[in-house]
C-alpha atoms as a PDB file:
ATOM      1  CA  MET A   1       0.000   0.000   0.000  1.00  0.00           C
ATOM      2  CA  GLY A   2       2.916   2.363   0.559  1.00  0.00           C
ATOM      3  CA  LEU A   3       1.470   3.951   3.689  1.00  0.00           C
ATOM      4  CA  PHE A   4       0.638   2.427   7.063  1.00  0.00           C
ATOM      5  CA  MET A   5      -3.080   3.153   7.411  1.00  0.00           C
ATOM      6  CA  GLU A   6      -3.640   3.192  11.155  1.00  0.00           C
ATOM      7  CA  ASN A   7      -6.156   6.056  11.257  1.00  0.00           C
ATOM      8  CA  ILE A   8      -8.084   5.164   8.111  1.00  0.00           C
ATOM      9  CA  LEU A   9      -9.811   1.890   7.226  1.00  0.00           C
ATOM     10  CA  VAL A  10     -10.604   1.052   3.604  1.00  0.00           C
ATOM     11  CA  LYS A  11     -12.989  -1.552   2.220  1.00  0.00           C
ATOM     12  CA  ASP A  12     -12.471  -1.822  -1.544  1.00  0.00           C
ATOM     13  CA  GLY A  13     -15.246  -2.603  -3.985  1.00  0.00           C
ATOM     14  CA  SER A  14     -17.550  -1.025  -6.534  1.00  0.00           C
ATOM     15  CA  VAL A  15     -18.572   1.141  -3.582  1.00  0.00           C
ATOM     16  CA  THR A  16     -15.340   1.885  -1.696  1.00  0.00           C
ATOM     17  CA  GLU A  17     -15.878   2.539   2.012  1.00  0.00           C
ATOM     18  CA  ILE A  18     -13.379   4.812   3.770  1.00  0.00           C
ATOM     19  CA  THR A  19     -13.666   5.020   7.559  1.00  0.00           C
ATOM     20  CA  ILE A  20     -11.910   7.501   9.836  1.00  0.00           C
ATOM     21  CA  ASN A  21     -10.619   5.268  12.608  1.00  0.00           C
ATOM     22  CA  ARG A  22      -9.891   7.363  15.705  1.00  0.00           C
ATOM     23  CA  PRO A  23     -13.006   6.611  17.771  1.00  0.00           C
ATOM     24  CA  GLU A  24     -11.248   7.407  21.067  1.00  0.00           C
ATOM     25  CA  LYS A  25     -10.742  10.959  19.707  1.00  0.00           C
ATOM     26  CA  HIS A  26     -14.192  11.193  18.113  1.00  0.00           C
ATOM     27  CA  ASN A  27     -12.328  10.840  14.808  1.00  0.00           C
ATOM     28  CA  ALA A  28     -10.539  14.162  15.193  1.00  0.00           C
ATOM     29  CA  LEU A  29      -8.416  15.092  12.196  1.00  0.00           C
ATOM     30  CA  ASP A  30      -4.684  15.593  12.624  1.00  0.00           C
ATOM     31  CA  GLY A  31      -1.979  15.778   9.970  1.00  0.00           C
ATOM     32  CA  GLU A  32      -1.360  12.031   9.846  1.00  0.00           C
ATOM     33  CA  THR A  33      -5.067  11.233   9.536  1.00  0.00           C
ATOM     34  CA  LEU A  34      -5.517  13.762   6.741  1.00  0.00           C
ATOM     35  CA  MET A  35      -2.557  12.363   4.806  1.00  0.00           C
ATOM     36  CA  GLN A  36      -3.928   8.835   5.144  1.00  0.00           C
ATOM     37  CA  LEU A  37      -7.398  10.010   4.107  1.00  0.00           C
ATOM     38  CA  SER A  38      -5.925  11.790   1.085  1.00  0.00           C
ATOM     39  CA  TYR A  39      -4.020   8.630   0.105  1.00  0.00           C
ATOM     40  CA  ALA A  40      -7.145   6.468   0.438  1.00  0.00           C
ATOM     41  CA  LEU A  41      -9.164   8.888  -1.688  1.00  0.00           C
ATOM     42  CA  LYS A  42      -6.551   8.974  -4.440  1.00  0.00           C
ATOM     43  CA  LYS A  43      -6.341   5.175  -4.429  1.00  0.00           C
ATOM     44  CA  ALA A  44     -10.145   4.884  -4.735  1.00  0.00           C
ATOM     45  CA  GLN A  45     -10.270   7.426  -7.527  1.00  0.00           C
ATOM     46  CA  LEU A  46      -7.659   5.462  -9.507  1.00  0.00           C
ATOM     47  CA  ASP A  47      -9.391   2.123  -8.906  1.00  0.00           C
ATOM     48  CA  LYS A  48     -11.305   1.208 -12.076  1.00  0.00           C
ATOM     49  CA  ASN A  49     -13.557  -1.141 -10.096  1.00  0.00           C
ATOM     50  CA  CYS A  50     -14.618   1.686  -7.760  1.00  0.00           C
ATOM     51  CA  LYS A  51     -17.712   3.533  -8.955  1.00  0.00           C
ATOM     52  CA  SER A  52     -18.494   5.574  -5.852  1.00  0.00           C
ATOM     53  CA  ILE A  53     -17.043   6.327  -2.405  1.00  0.00           C
ATOM     54  CA  ILE A  54     -18.528   6.463   1.091  1.00  0.00           C
ATOM     55  CA  ILE A  55     -16.803   8.249   3.983  1.00  0.00           C
ATOM     56  CA  SER A  56     -17.815   7.424   7.561  1.00  0.00           C
ATOM     57  CA  GLY A  57     -16.428   7.522  11.085  1.00  0.00           C
ATOM     58  CA  ALA A  58     -15.697   4.632  13.431  1.00  0.00           C
ATOM     59  CA  GLY A  59     -17.545   4.468  16.728  1.00  0.00           C
ATOM     60  CA  LYS A  60     -20.119   7.063  17.724  1.00  0.00           C
ATOM     61  CA  SER A  61     -18.955  10.075  15.699  1.00  0.00           C
ATOM     62  CA  PHE A  62     -18.387  11.039  12.090  1.00  0.00           C
ATOM     63  CA  SER A  63     -15.660  13.532  13.025  1.00  0.00           C
ATOM     64  CA  SER A  64     -15.325  16.117  15.782  1.00  0.00           C
ATOM     65  CA  GLY A  65     -13.161  18.234  13.466  1.00  0.00           C
ATOM     66  CA  ALA A  66      -9.538  19.284  13.568  1.00  0.00           C
ATOM     67  CA  ASP A  67      -7.528  17.773  16.417  1.00  0.00           C
ATOM     68  CA  ILE A  68      -6.901  20.731  18.758  1.00  0.00           C
ATOM     69  CA  ASN A  69      -3.615  19.198  19.922  1.00  0.00           C
ATOM     70  CA  TYR A  70      -2.496  19.290  16.287  1.00  0.00           C
ATOM     71  CA  LEU A  71      -3.505  22.946  15.841  1.00  0.00           C
ATOM     72  CA  ALA A  72      -2.120  24.046  19.206  1.00  0.00           C
ATOM     73  CA  ASN A  73       1.356  22.857  18.219  1.00  0.00           C
ATOM     74  CA  ILE A  74       1.446  25.068  15.121  1.00  0.00           C
ATOM     75  CA  LYS A  75       3.687  28.046  15.915  1.00  0.00           C
ATOM     76  CA  SER A  76       4.758  29.550  12.583  1.00  0.00           C
ATOM     77  CA  GLU A  77       3.044  31.011   9.541  1.00  0.00           C
ATOM     78  CA  ALA A  78       4.695  28.364   7.340  1.00  0.00           C
ATOM     79  CA  SER A  79       3.330  25.543   9.509  1.00  0.00           C
ATOM     80  CA  ALA A  80      -0.117  27.143   9.612  1.00  0.00           C
ATOM     81  CA  SER A  81      -0.088  27.482   5.820  1.00  0.00           C
ATOM     82  CA  ALA A  82       0.943  23.829   5.425  1.00  0.00           C
ATOM     83  CA  ALA A  83      -1.867  22.695   7.745  1.00  0.00           C
ATOM     84  CA  PHE A  84      -4.422  24.752   5.827  1.00  0.00           C
ATOM     85  CA  GLU A  85      -3.216  23.327   2.511  1.00  0.00           C
ATOM     86  CA  LEU A  86      -3.473  19.775   3.854  1.00  0.00           C
ATOM     87  CA  PHE A  87      -7.135  20.278   4.759  1.00  0.00           C
ATOM     88  CA  TYR A  88      -7.790  22.145   1.522  1.00  0.00           C
ATOM     89  CA  THR A  89      -6.198  19.650  -0.862  1.00  0.00           C
ATOM     90  CA  THR A  90      -7.791  16.655   0.886  1.00  0.00           C
ATOM     91  CA  TYR A  91     -11.269  18.159   0.738  1.00  0.00           C
ATOM     92  CA  LYS A  92     -10.779  19.476  -2.790  1.00  0.00           C
ATOM     93  CA  SER A  93      -9.953  15.953  -3.961  1.00  0.00           C
ATOM     94  CA  ILE A  94     -13.434  14.923  -2.736  1.00  0.00           C
ATOM     95  CA  TRP A  95     -15.128  17.877  -4.401  1.00  0.00           C
ATOM     96  CA  ASP A  96     -13.225  17.289  -7.658  1.00  0.00           C
ATOM     97  CA  SER A  97     -13.572  13.505  -7.669  1.00  0.00           C
ATOM     98  CA  GLU A  98     -15.256  12.223 -10.812  1.00  0.00           C
ATOM     99  CA  LYS A  99     -16.849   9.533  -8.661  1.00  0.00           C
ATOM    100  CA  PRO A 100     -19.787  10.366  -6.372  1.00  0.00           C
ATOM    101  CA  VAL A 101     -18.736  10.699  -2.726  1.00  0.00           C
ATOM    102  CA  ILE A 102     -21.251  10.188   0.074  1.00  0.00           C
ATOM    103  CA  ALA A 103     -20.899  11.005   3.768  1.00  0.00           C
ATOM    104  CA  ALA A 104     -22.477   8.530   6.195  1.00  0.00           C
ATOM    105  CA  ILE A 105     -22.821  10.594   9.370  1.00  0.00           C
ATOM    106  CA  SER A 106     -23.638   9.679  12.951  1.00  0.00           C
ATOM    107  CA  GLY A 107     -22.889  11.481  16.193  1.00  0.00           C
ATOM    108  CA  TYR A 108     -20.632  14.531  16.088  1.00  0.00           C
ATOM    109  CA  CYS A 109     -20.030  16.237  12.757  1.00  0.00           C
ATOM    110  CA  LEU A 110     -18.194  19.370  13.844  1.00  0.00           C
ATOM    111  CA  GLY A 111     -15.798  21.945  12.403  1.00  0.00           C
ATOM    112  CA  GLY A 112     -13.437  20.255   9.979  1.00  0.00           C
ATOM    113  CA  GLY A 113     -15.660  17.172  10.166  1.00  0.00           C
ATOM    114  CA  ASN A 114     -18.610  19.172   8.891  1.00  0.00           C
ATOM    115  CA  GLU A 115     -16.377  20.664   6.203  1.00  0.00           C
ATOM    116  CA  LEU A 116     -15.406  17.134   5.193  1.00  0.00           C
ATOM    117  CA  ALA A 117     -19.111  16.257   4.936  1.00  0.00           C
ATOM    118  CA  ILE A 118     -20.016  19.313   2.835  1.00  0.00           C
ATOM    119  CA  SER A 119     -17.237  18.437   0.404  1.00  0.00           C
ATOM    120  CA  CYS A 120     -19.163  15.246  -0.364  1.00  0.00           C
ATOM    121  CA  ASP A 121     -21.968  15.088  -2.930  1.00  0.00           C
ATOM    122  CA  PHE A 122     -24.575  13.706  -0.530  1.00  0.00           C
ATOM    123  CA  ARG A 123     -24.951  13.453   3.240  1.00  0.00           C
ATOM    124  CA  PHE A 124     -26.843  10.707   5.093  1.00  0.00           C
ATOM    125  CA  ALA A 125     -27.264  11.334   8.818  1.00  0.00           C
ATOM    126  CA  SER A 126     -28.587   9.430  11.805  1.00  0.00           C
ATOM    127  CA  LYS A 127     -31.112  11.151  14.033  1.00  0.00           C
ATOM    128  CA  ASP A 128     -28.569  11.554  16.836  1.00  0.00           C
ATOM    129  CA  SER A 129     -26.178  13.548  14.647  1.00  0.00           C
ATOM    130  CA  ILE A 130     -24.975  16.966  15.816  1.00  0.00           C
ATOM    131  CA  PHE A 131     -23.575  19.584  13.449  1.00  0.00           C
ATOM    132  CA  ALA A 132     -21.580  22.765  14.118  1.00  0.00           C
ATOM    133  CA  GLN A 133     -18.823  25.093  12.954  1.00  0.00           C
ATOM    134  CA  PRO A 134     -17.547  25.908  16.458  1.00  0.00           C
ATOM    135  CA  GLU A 135     -14.200  27.457  15.454  1.00  0.00           C
ATOM    136  CA  VAL A 136     -15.122  30.957  16.690  1.00  0.00           C
ATOM    137  CA  LYS A 137     -15.308  29.615  20.234  1.00  0.00           C
ATOM    138  CA  LEU A 138     -11.554  29.034  20.021  1.00  0.00           C
ATOM    139  CA  GLY A 139     -10.849  32.347  18.301  1.00  0.00           C
ATOM    140  CA  LEU A 140     -10.557  30.666  14.901  1.00  0.00           C
ATOM    141  CA  ILE A 141     -12.392  30.743  11.605  1.00  0.00           C
ATOM    142  CA  PRO A 142     -13.149  27.620   9.549  1.00  0.00           C
ATOM    143  CA  GLY A 143     -10.186  26.459   7.476  1.00  0.00           C
ATOM    144  CA  GLY A 144     -11.671  23.639   5.416  1.00  0.00           C
ATOM    145  CA  GLY A 145     -13.996  25.491   3.074  1.00  0.00           C
ATOM    146  CA  ALA A 146     -17.027  26.354   5.212  1.00  0.00           C
ATOM    147  CA  THR A 147     -16.714  30.093   4.554  1.00  0.00           C
ATOM    148  CA  TYR A 148     -17.474  29.588   0.874  1.00  0.00           C
ATOM    149  CA  LYS A 149     -19.112  26.147   0.525  1.00  0.00           C
ATOM    150  CA  LEU A 150     -21.589  26.287   3.398  1.00  0.00           C
ATOM    151  CA  ARG A 151     -23.525  29.237   1.961  1.00  0.00           C
ATOM    152  CA  VAL A 152     -23.980  27.372  -1.336  1.00  0.00           C
ATOM    153  CA  ILE A 153     -25.455  24.382   0.483  1.00  0.00           C
ATOM    154  CA  THR A 154     -27.502  26.000   3.265  1.00  0.00           C
ATOM    155  CA  GLY A 155     -28.006  29.589   2.093  1.00  0.00           C
ATOM    156  CA  LEU A 156     -26.126  32.680   3.203  1.00  0.00           C
ATOM    157  CA  GLN A 157     -27.939  33.391   6.471  1.00  0.00           C
ATOM    158  CA  ASN A 158     -27.825  29.814   7.714  1.00  0.00           C
ATOM    159  CA  ALA A 159     -24.102  29.735   6.962  1.00  0.00           C
ATOM    160  CA  ARG A 160     -23.598  33.011   8.819  1.00  0.00           C
ATOM    161  CA  LYS A 161     -25.493  31.703  11.853  1.00  0.00           C
ATOM    162  CA  MET A 162     -23.452  28.503  12.030  1.00  0.00           C
ATOM    163  CA  ILE A 163     -20.085  30.217  11.524  1.00  0.00           C
ATOM    164  CA  PHE A 164     -20.671  33.411  13.559  1.00  0.00           C
ATOM    165  CA  THR A 165     -22.262  31.716  16.594  1.00  0.00           C
ATOM    166  CA  GLY A 166     -20.525  28.333  16.581  1.00  0.00           C
ATOM    167  CA  GLU A 167     -23.758  26.877  17.934  1.00  0.00           C
ATOM    168  CA  SER A 168     -24.691  23.275  17.209  1.00  0.00           C
ATOM    169  CA  ILE A 169     -27.806  22.123  15.390  1.00  0.00           C
ATOM    170  CA  ASP A 170     -29.538  18.755  15.467  1.00  0.00           C
ATOM    171  CA  SER A 171     -30.199  16.476  12.511  1.00  0.00           C
ATOM    172  CA  GLU A 172     -33.761  17.728  11.962  1.00  0.00           C
ATOM    173  CA  LYS A 173     -32.541  21.307  11.647  1.00  0.00           C
ATOM    174  CA  ALA A 174     -29.673  20.176   9.428  1.00  0.00           C
ATOM    175  CA  LEU A 175     -32.183  18.477   7.127  1.00  0.00           C
ATOM    176  CA  SER A 176     -34.406  21.563   7.003  1.00  0.00           C
ATOM    177  CA  ILE A 177     -31.574  23.851   5.844  1.00  0.00           C
ATOM    178  CA  GLY A 178     -30.153  21.410   3.308  1.00  0.00           C
ATOM    179  CA  LEU A 179     -27.033  20.519   5.270  1.00  0.00           C
ATOM    180  CA  VAL A 180     -28.243  16.904   5.300  1.00  0.00           C
ATOM    181  CA  ASP A 181     -29.902  15.203   2.329  1.00  0.00           C
ATOM    182  CA  TYR A 182     -31.314  12.110   4.023  1.00  0.00           C
ATOM    183  CA  LEU A 183     -32.200  11.354   7.642  1.00  0.00           C
ATOM    184  CA  VAL A 184     -31.851   7.666   8.506  1.00  0.00           C
ATOM    185  CA  GLU A 185     -33.596   5.646  11.190  1.00  0.00           C
ATOM    186  CA  GLY A 186     -31.110   2.777  11.151  1.00  0.00           C
ATOM    187  CA  ASP A 187     -27.536   2.382   9.996  1.00  0.00           C
ATOM    188  CA  THR A 188     -26.380   5.315   7.866  1.00  0.00           C
ATOM    189  CA  LEU A 189     -23.650   3.259   6.208  1.00  0.00           C
ATOM    190  CA  THR A 190     -26.166   0.700   4.926  1.00  0.00           C
ATOM    191  CA  ALA A 191     -28.457   3.438   3.607  1.00  0.00           C
ATOM    192  CA  ALA A 192     -25.549   5.251   1.966  1.00  0.00           C
ATOM    193  CA  ARG A 193     -24.322   2.006   0.392  1.00  0.00           C
ATOM    194  CA  GLU A 194     -27.731   1.266  -1.142  1.00  0.00           C
ATOM    195  CA  PHE A 195     -27.933   4.806  -2.502  1.00  0.00           C
ATOM    196  CA  ALA A 196     -24.377   4.690  -3.870  1.00  0.00           C
ATOM    197  CA  GLU A 197     -25.099   1.530  -5.818  1.00  0.00           C
ATOM    198  CA  GLY A 198     -27.886   3.362  -7.641  1.00  0.00           C
ATOM    199  CA  ILE A 199     -25.835   6.369  -8.774  1.00  0.00           C
ATOM    200  CA  SER A 200     -22.638   4.654  -9.866  1.00  0.00           C
ATOM    201  CA  SER A 201     -22.620   5.264 -13.613  1.00  0.00           C
ATOM    202  CA  GLU A 202     -20.698   7.257 -16.193  1.00  0.00           C
ATOM    203  CA  ALA A 203     -23.643   9.651 -16.582  1.00  0.00           C
ATOM    204  CA  GLN A 204     -23.520  10.627 -12.907  1.00  0.00           C
ATOM    205  CA  SER A 205     -19.791  11.234 -13.210  1.00  0.00           C
ATOM    206  CA  TYR A 206     -20.343  13.553 -16.161  1.00  0.00           C
ATOM    207  CA  ALA A 207     -23.154  15.311 -14.290  1.00  0.00           C
ATOM    208  CA  LYS A 208     -20.946  15.928 -11.248  1.00  0.00           C
ATOM    209  CA  ARG A 209     -18.191  17.402 -13.398  1.00  0.00           C
ATOM    210  CA  ALA A 210     -20.656  19.676 -15.186  1.00  0.00           C
ATOM    211  CA  ILE A 211     -22.258  20.914 -11.948  1.00  0.00           C
ATOM    212  CA  ASN A 212     -18.950  21.588 -10.211  1.00  0.00           C
ATOM    213  CA  ALA A 213     -17.493  23.283 -13.295  1.00  0.00           C
ATOM    214  CA  SER A 214     -20.217  25.927 -12.967  1.00  0.00           C
ATOM    215  CA  MET A 215     -18.967  26.911  -9.512  1.00  0.00           C
ATOM    216  CA  SER A 216     -15.652  28.524  -8.679  1.00  0.00           C
ATOM    217  CA  PHE A 217     -14.454  29.142  -5.131  1.00  0.00           C
ATOM    218  CA  ASP A 218     -11.834  31.630  -3.964  1.00  0.00           C
ATOM    219  CA  TYR A 219     -10.184  30.087  -0.926  1.00  0.00           C
ATOM    220  CA  MET A 220      -7.350  32.600  -0.508  1.00  0.00           C
ATOM    221  CA  HIS A 221      -9.264  34.897   1.863  1.00  0.00           C
ATOM    222  CA  GLU A 222     -10.149  31.936   4.064  1.00  0.00           C
ATOM    223  CA  LYS A 223      -6.506  30.826   4.064  1.00  0.00           C
ATOM    224  CA  GLU A 224      -5.136  34.254   4.969  1.00  0.00           C
ATOM    225  CA  LEU A 225      -7.608  34.831   7.791  1.00  0.00           C
ATOM    226  CA  PHE A 226      -7.398  31.262   9.102  1.00  0.00           C
ATOM    227  CA  ILE A 227      -3.618  31.638   9.491  1.00  0.00           C
ATOM    228  CA  LYS A 228      -3.995  34.996  11.246  1.00  0.00           C
ATOM    229  CA  SER A 229      -6.605  33.638  13.642  1.00  0.00           C
ATOM    230  CA  LEU A 230      -4.676  30.416  14.344  1.00  0.00           C
ATOM    231  CA  LEU A 231      -1.498  32.274  15.278  1.00  0.00           C
ATOM    232  CA  SER A 232      -3.173  34.926  17.443  1.00  0.00           C
ATOM    233  CA  GLN A 233      -2.372  35.005  21.142  1.00  0.00           C
ATOM    234  CA  ARG A 234      -6.060  34.874  22.047  1.00  0.00           C
ATOM    235  CA  THR A 235      -6.542  31.650  20.068  1.00  0.00           C
ATOM    236  CA  LYS A 236      -3.515  30.058  21.717  1.00  0.00           C
ATOM    237  CA  GLU A 237      -4.961  30.886  25.132  1.00  0.00           C
ATOM    238  CA  LEU A 238      -8.406  29.519  24.249  1.00  0.00           C
ATOM    239  CA  MET A 239      -6.961  26.293  22.833  1.00  0.00           C
ATOM    240  CA  ALA A 240      -4.769  25.809  25.912  1.00  0.00           C
ATOM    241  CA  LYS A 241      -7.836  26.302  28.126  1.00  0.00           C
ATOM    242  CA  PHE A 242      -9.846  23.830  26.004  1.00  0.00           C
ATOM    243  CA  LEU A 243      -7.134  21.159  26.188  1.00  0.00           C
ATOM    244  CA  ALA A 244      -6.711  21.656  29.935  1.00  0.00           C
ATOM    245  CA  SER A 245     -10.445  21.157  30.453  1.00  0.00           C
ATOM    246  CA  LYS A 246     -10.290  17.904  28.471  1.00  0.00           C
ATOM    247  CA  ARG A 247      -7.374  16.592  30.567  1.00  0.00           C
ATOM    248  CA  SER A 248      -9.182  17.346  33.810  1.00  0.00           C
ATOM    249  CA  LYS A 249     -12.181  15.169  32.881  1.00  0.00           C
END
């Protein structure tokens, strides 16, 4: 395989299933996990037998977002830029994939986890799912595309509410604003798999390329302001306080 995939599980097939495998961290995304995810996505996209891709999370969460330990250790502008680019290129590979990509969501879908989900073509969610862009609570802004993708999916005001307040919403609200496409009573992975098998054709691939070609996103403002916010003293203090609270529990 060329890369030891500890944080990502892959089940190959006509529907390739990629699972973020850090359940003890609510599938938080650090640099290693993102690199493994990127590798798995590229492998699936090159696999001629793969017609569509499902992304899910192990355990009780889809993803709680960026690993705060990972972000807290970033001290320089160069490191902050590299971290941003890692999120950006990983998520862009999902958006640009010629194969349909579906998110099977349960539990927490927060921050960078929500940005991972909105990079997918469709989102299936369990009724216990919780969604948020909570970056502002740590003095940050989203760095995985929410500032420009979320408004396209949910509408401008819903995107503003999620990003400005950092407040969480439940699955019913997520469905009502278009953040979620399908709400599932049972296993989201099973529902997503059945759906994926029905949209795995050349026509759907052409349709995705045509739809995405009509949209262009400027990510440079998000990158510049994400780096500034990440390196601010206030953000460092808030992240240190957050990590200390986690250790005390």
